[in-house]
Amino acid sequence: MRYVIEVFRSPGGVHGSVLGEGCAEADGGPGHRTPFHGWLELLSLLEPPPDPASTEPGERACAAGDDSCDA
């Protein structure tokens, strides 16, 4: 998926909006911009959604290299 990212820098940090090309209606429809405040929030918007089939109910998804998930 491609994104259009509008970023503004101010003394208080960065803010702006993200527009994903081909957004589904459930995501706010075509042309829906999602605002963000700060780099971490921007990065979280760009992450792919978790695959619900990959985890059992009550389990959390583990990232590669996350030693806290080793059983």
N, C-alpha and C. Protein backbone atom coordinates (compact mmCIF):
# COMPACT_ATOMS: atom_id res chain seq x y z
N MET A 1 0.84 -1.17 0.00
CA MET A 1 0.00 0.00 0.00
C MET A 1 0.89 1.24 0.00
N ARG A 2 0.46 2.24 -0.71
CA ARG A 2 1.19 3.50 -0.72
C ARG A 2 0.44 4.50 0.15
N TYR A 3 1.21 5.44 0.73
CA TYR A 3 0.65 6.45 1.62
C TYR A 3 1.03 7.83 1.13
N VAL A 4 0.15 8.77 1.38
CA VAL A 4 0.47 10.19 1.21
C VAL A 4 0.54 10.75 2.62
N ILE A 5 1.73 11.26 2.99
CA ILE A 5 1.97 11.74 4.35
C ILE A 5 2.26 13.23 4.29
N GLU A 6 1.50 13.98 5.08
CA GLU A 6 1.68 15.42 5.19
C GLU A 6 2.26 15.68 6.58
N VAL A 7 3.48 16.21 6.65
CA VAL A 7 4.18 16.40 7.92
C VAL A 7 4.49 17.88 8.12
N PHE A 8 4.19 18.35 9.33
CA PHE A 8 4.52 19.72 9.71
C PHE A 8 5.39 19.69 10.95
N ARG A 9 6.40 20.53 10.96
CA ARG A 9 7.31 20.60 12.11
C ARG A 9 7.04 21.90 12.85
N SER A 10 6.97 21.81 14.17
CA SER A 10 6.76 22.99 15.00
C SER A 10 7.66 22.87 16.23
N PRO A 11 7.75 23.92 17.03
CA PRO A 11 8.57 23.82 18.24
C PRO A 11 8.11 22.71 19.19
N GLY A 12 6.84 22.33 19.10
CA GLY A 12 6.31 21.27 19.96
C GLY A 12 6.47 19.87 19.40
N GLY A 13 7.07 19.72 18.22
CA GLY A 13 7.26 18.40 17.61
C GLY A 13 6.72 18.37 16.20
N VAL A 14 6.32 17.20 15.77
CA VAL A 14 5.78 17.04 14.41
C VAL A 14 4.32 16.63 14.50
N HIS A 15 3.57 16.98 13.48
CA HIS A 15 2.18 16.57 13.37
C HIS A 15 1.81 16.58 11.90
N GLY A 16 0.69 16.00 11.58
CA GLY A 16 0.25 15.98 10.19
C GLY A 16 -0.86 14.98 9.99
N SER A 17 -0.94 14.43 8.78
CA SER A 17 -1.98 13.46 8.46
C SER A 17 -1.44 12.43 7.48
N VAL A 18 -2.10 11.26 7.48
CA VAL A 18 -1.73 10.16 6.60
C VAL A 18 -2.96 9.78 5.79
N LEU A 19 -2.75 9.59 4.51
CA LEU A 19 -3.81 9.13 3.61
C LEU A 19 -3.30 7.87 2.93
N GLY A 20 -3.97 6.75 3.17
CA GLY A 20 -3.60 5.50 2.51
C GLY A 20 -4.36 5.38 1.20
N GLU A 21 -3.63 5.17 0.11
CA GLU A 21 -4.29 5.00 -1.18
C GLU A 21 -5.07 3.70 -1.18
N GLY A 22 -6.28 3.74 -1.68
CA GLY A 22 -7.12 2.55 -1.74
C GLY A 22 -7.71 2.18 -0.40
N CYS A 23 -7.95 3.15 0.48
CA CYS A 23 -8.54 2.87 1.79
C CYS A 23 -9.92 2.23 1.62
N ALA A 24 -10.21 1.25 2.44
CA ALA A 24 -11.53 0.62 2.43
C ALA A 24 -12.54 1.53 3.11
N GLU A 25 -13.80 1.31 2.85
CA GLU A 25 -14.85 2.12 3.46
C GLU A 25 -14.77 2.04 4.99
N ALA A 26 -14.41 0.86 5.53
CA ALA A 26 -14.32 0.70 6.98
C ALA A 26 -13.21 1.56 7.58
N ASP A 27 -12.24 1.95 6.79
CA ASP A 27 -11.14 2.78 7.27
C ASP A 27 -11.45 4.26 7.16
N GLY A 28 -12.69 4.61 6.89
CA GLY A 28 -13.05 6.01 6.77
C GLY A 28 -13.34 6.41 5.35
N GLY A 29 -13.22 5.47 4.43
CA GLY A 29 -13.55 5.74 3.04
C GLY A 29 -12.42 6.39 2.28
N PRO A 30 -12.57 6.45 0.97
CA PRO A 30 -11.55 7.07 0.14
C PRO A 30 -11.37 8.54 0.50
N GLY A 31 -10.16 8.99 0.57
CA GLY A 31 -9.89 10.38 0.87
C GLY A 31 -9.89 10.71 2.35
N HIS A 32 -10.04 9.70 3.21
CA HIS A 32 -10.04 9.95 4.66
C HIS A 32 -8.61 10.11 5.16
N ARG A 33 -8.33 11.24 5.77
CA ARG A 33 -7.00 11.50 6.34
C ARG A 33 -7.03 11.20 7.83
N THR A 34 -6.00 10.51 8.29
CA THR A 34 -5.87 10.19 9.71
C THR A 34 -4.81 11.11 10.31
N PRO A 35 -5.18 11.95 11.28
CA PRO A 35 -4.20 12.86 11.87
C PRO A 35 -3.25 12.11 12.82
N PHE A 36 -2.05 12.65 12.99
CA PHE A 36 -1.10 12.10 13.96
C PHE A 36 -0.35 13.24 14.63
N HIS A 37 0.19 12.95 15.80
CA HIS A 37 0.99 13.90 16.56
C HIS A 37 2.20 13.16 17.09
N GLY A 38 3.36 13.39 16.51
CA GLY A 38 4.60 12.74 16.93
C GLY A 38 5.00 11.61 16.01
N TRP A 39 6.31 11.33 16.00
CA TRP A 39 6.87 10.31 15.12
C TRP A 39 6.35 8.92 15.44
N LEU A 40 6.21 8.59 16.73
CA LEU A 40 5.76 7.24 17.10
C LEU A 40 4.34 6.98 16.63
N GLU A 41 3.48 7.98 16.74
CA GLU A 41 2.11 7.80 16.27
C GLU A 41 2.08 7.63 14.75
N LEU A 42 2.93 8.37 14.04
CA LEU A 42 3.02 8.20 12.59
C LEU A 42 3.45 6.78 12.25
N LEU A 43 4.48 6.29 12.92
CA LEU A 43 4.95 4.93 12.65
C LEU A 43 3.88 3.88 12.93
N SER A 44 3.11 4.08 14.00
CA SER A 44 2.06 3.12 14.33
C SER A 44 0.97 3.09 13.25
N LEU A 45 0.72 4.23 12.61
CA LEU A 45 -0.27 4.26 11.53
C LEU A 45 0.22 3.54 10.28
N LEU A 46 1.53 3.45 10.11
CA LEU A 46 2.09 2.82 8.91
C LEU A 46 2.29 1.31 9.07
N GLU A 47 2.17 0.80 10.29
CA GLU A 47 2.33 -0.64 10.51
C GLU A 47 1.15 -1.38 9.93
N PRO A 48 1.39 -2.55 9.35
CA PRO A 48 0.25 -3.34 8.85
C PRO A 48 -0.58 -3.83 10.04
N PRO A 49 -1.88 -3.99 9.86
CA PRO A 49 -2.71 -4.49 10.95
C PRO A 49 -2.34 -5.93 11.28
N PRO A 50 -2.47 -6.34 12.55
CA PRO A 50 -2.13 -7.72 12.91
C PRO A 50 -3.08 -8.69 12.23
N ASP A 51 -2.57 -9.88 11.93
CA ASP A 51 -3.38 -10.92 11.31
C ASP A 51 -4.14 -11.65 12.42
N PRO A 52 -5.47 -11.51 12.47
CA PRO A 52 -6.23 -12.12 13.56
C PRO A 52 -6.11 -13.65 13.58
N ALA A 53 -5.82 -14.27 12.46
CA ALA A 53 -5.70 -15.73 12.42
C ALA A 53 -4.38 -16.23 12.99
N SER A 54 -3.43 -15.32 13.22
CA SER A 54 -2.10 -15.75 13.67
C SER A 54 -2.00 -15.90 15.18
N THR A 55 -3.00 -15.46 15.94
CA THR A 55 -2.94 -15.58 17.40
C THR A 55 -4.22 -16.22 17.92
N GLU A 56 -4.08 -16.95 19.00
CA GLU A 56 -5.23 -17.53 19.69
C GLU A 56 -5.86 -16.45 20.56
N PRO A 57 -7.15 -16.57 20.88
CA PRO A 57 -7.76 -15.60 21.80
C PRO A 57 -7.00 -15.57 23.12
N GLY A 58 -6.72 -14.39 23.60
CA GLY A 58 -5.98 -14.23 24.86
C GLY A 58 -4.48 -14.18 24.69
N GLU A 59 -3.96 -14.52 23.52
CA GLU A 59 -2.52 -14.44 23.27
C GLU A 59 -2.18 -13.10 22.64
N ARG A 60 -0.94 -12.69 22.82
CA ARG A 60 -0.51 -11.47 22.15
C ARG A 60 0.46 -11.85 21.05
N ALA A 61 0.45 -11.07 20.00
CA ALA A 61 1.37 -11.33 18.88
C ALA A 61 2.78 -10.93 19.30
N CYS A 62 3.77 -11.74 18.94
CA CYS A 62 5.16 -11.46 19.29
C CYS A 62 5.92 -10.99 18.05
N ALA A 63 6.67 -9.94 18.23
CA ALA A 63 7.51 -9.43 17.16
C ALA A 63 8.77 -10.27 17.05
N ALA A 64 9.37 -10.29 15.88
CA ALA A 64 10.62 -11.01 15.69
C ALA A 64 11.67 -10.45 16.64
N GLY A 65 12.37 -11.31 17.32
CA GLY A 65 13.41 -10.87 18.25
C GLY A 65 12.90 -10.50 19.63
N ASP A 66 11.60 -10.69 19.89
CA ASP A 66 11.03 -10.36 21.20
C ASP A 66 11.24 -11.55 22.12
N ASP A 67 12.26 -11.48 22.99
CA ASP A 67 12.60 -12.60 23.87
C ASP A 67 11.55 -12.87 24.94
N SER A 68 10.69 -11.86 25.23
CA SER A 68 9.69 -12.06 26.28
C SER A 68 8.61 -13.03 25.85
N CYS A 69 8.54 -13.38 24.57
CA CYS A 69 7.50 -14.29 24.08
C CYS A 69 7.97 -15.73 24.03
N ASP A 70 9.26 -15.97 24.22
CA ASP A 70 9.77 -17.34 24.14
C ASP A 70 9.17 -18.20 25.26
N ALA A 71 8.69 -19.37 24.87
CA ALA A 71 8.09 -20.25 25.87
C ALA A 71 9.06 -21.29 26.33
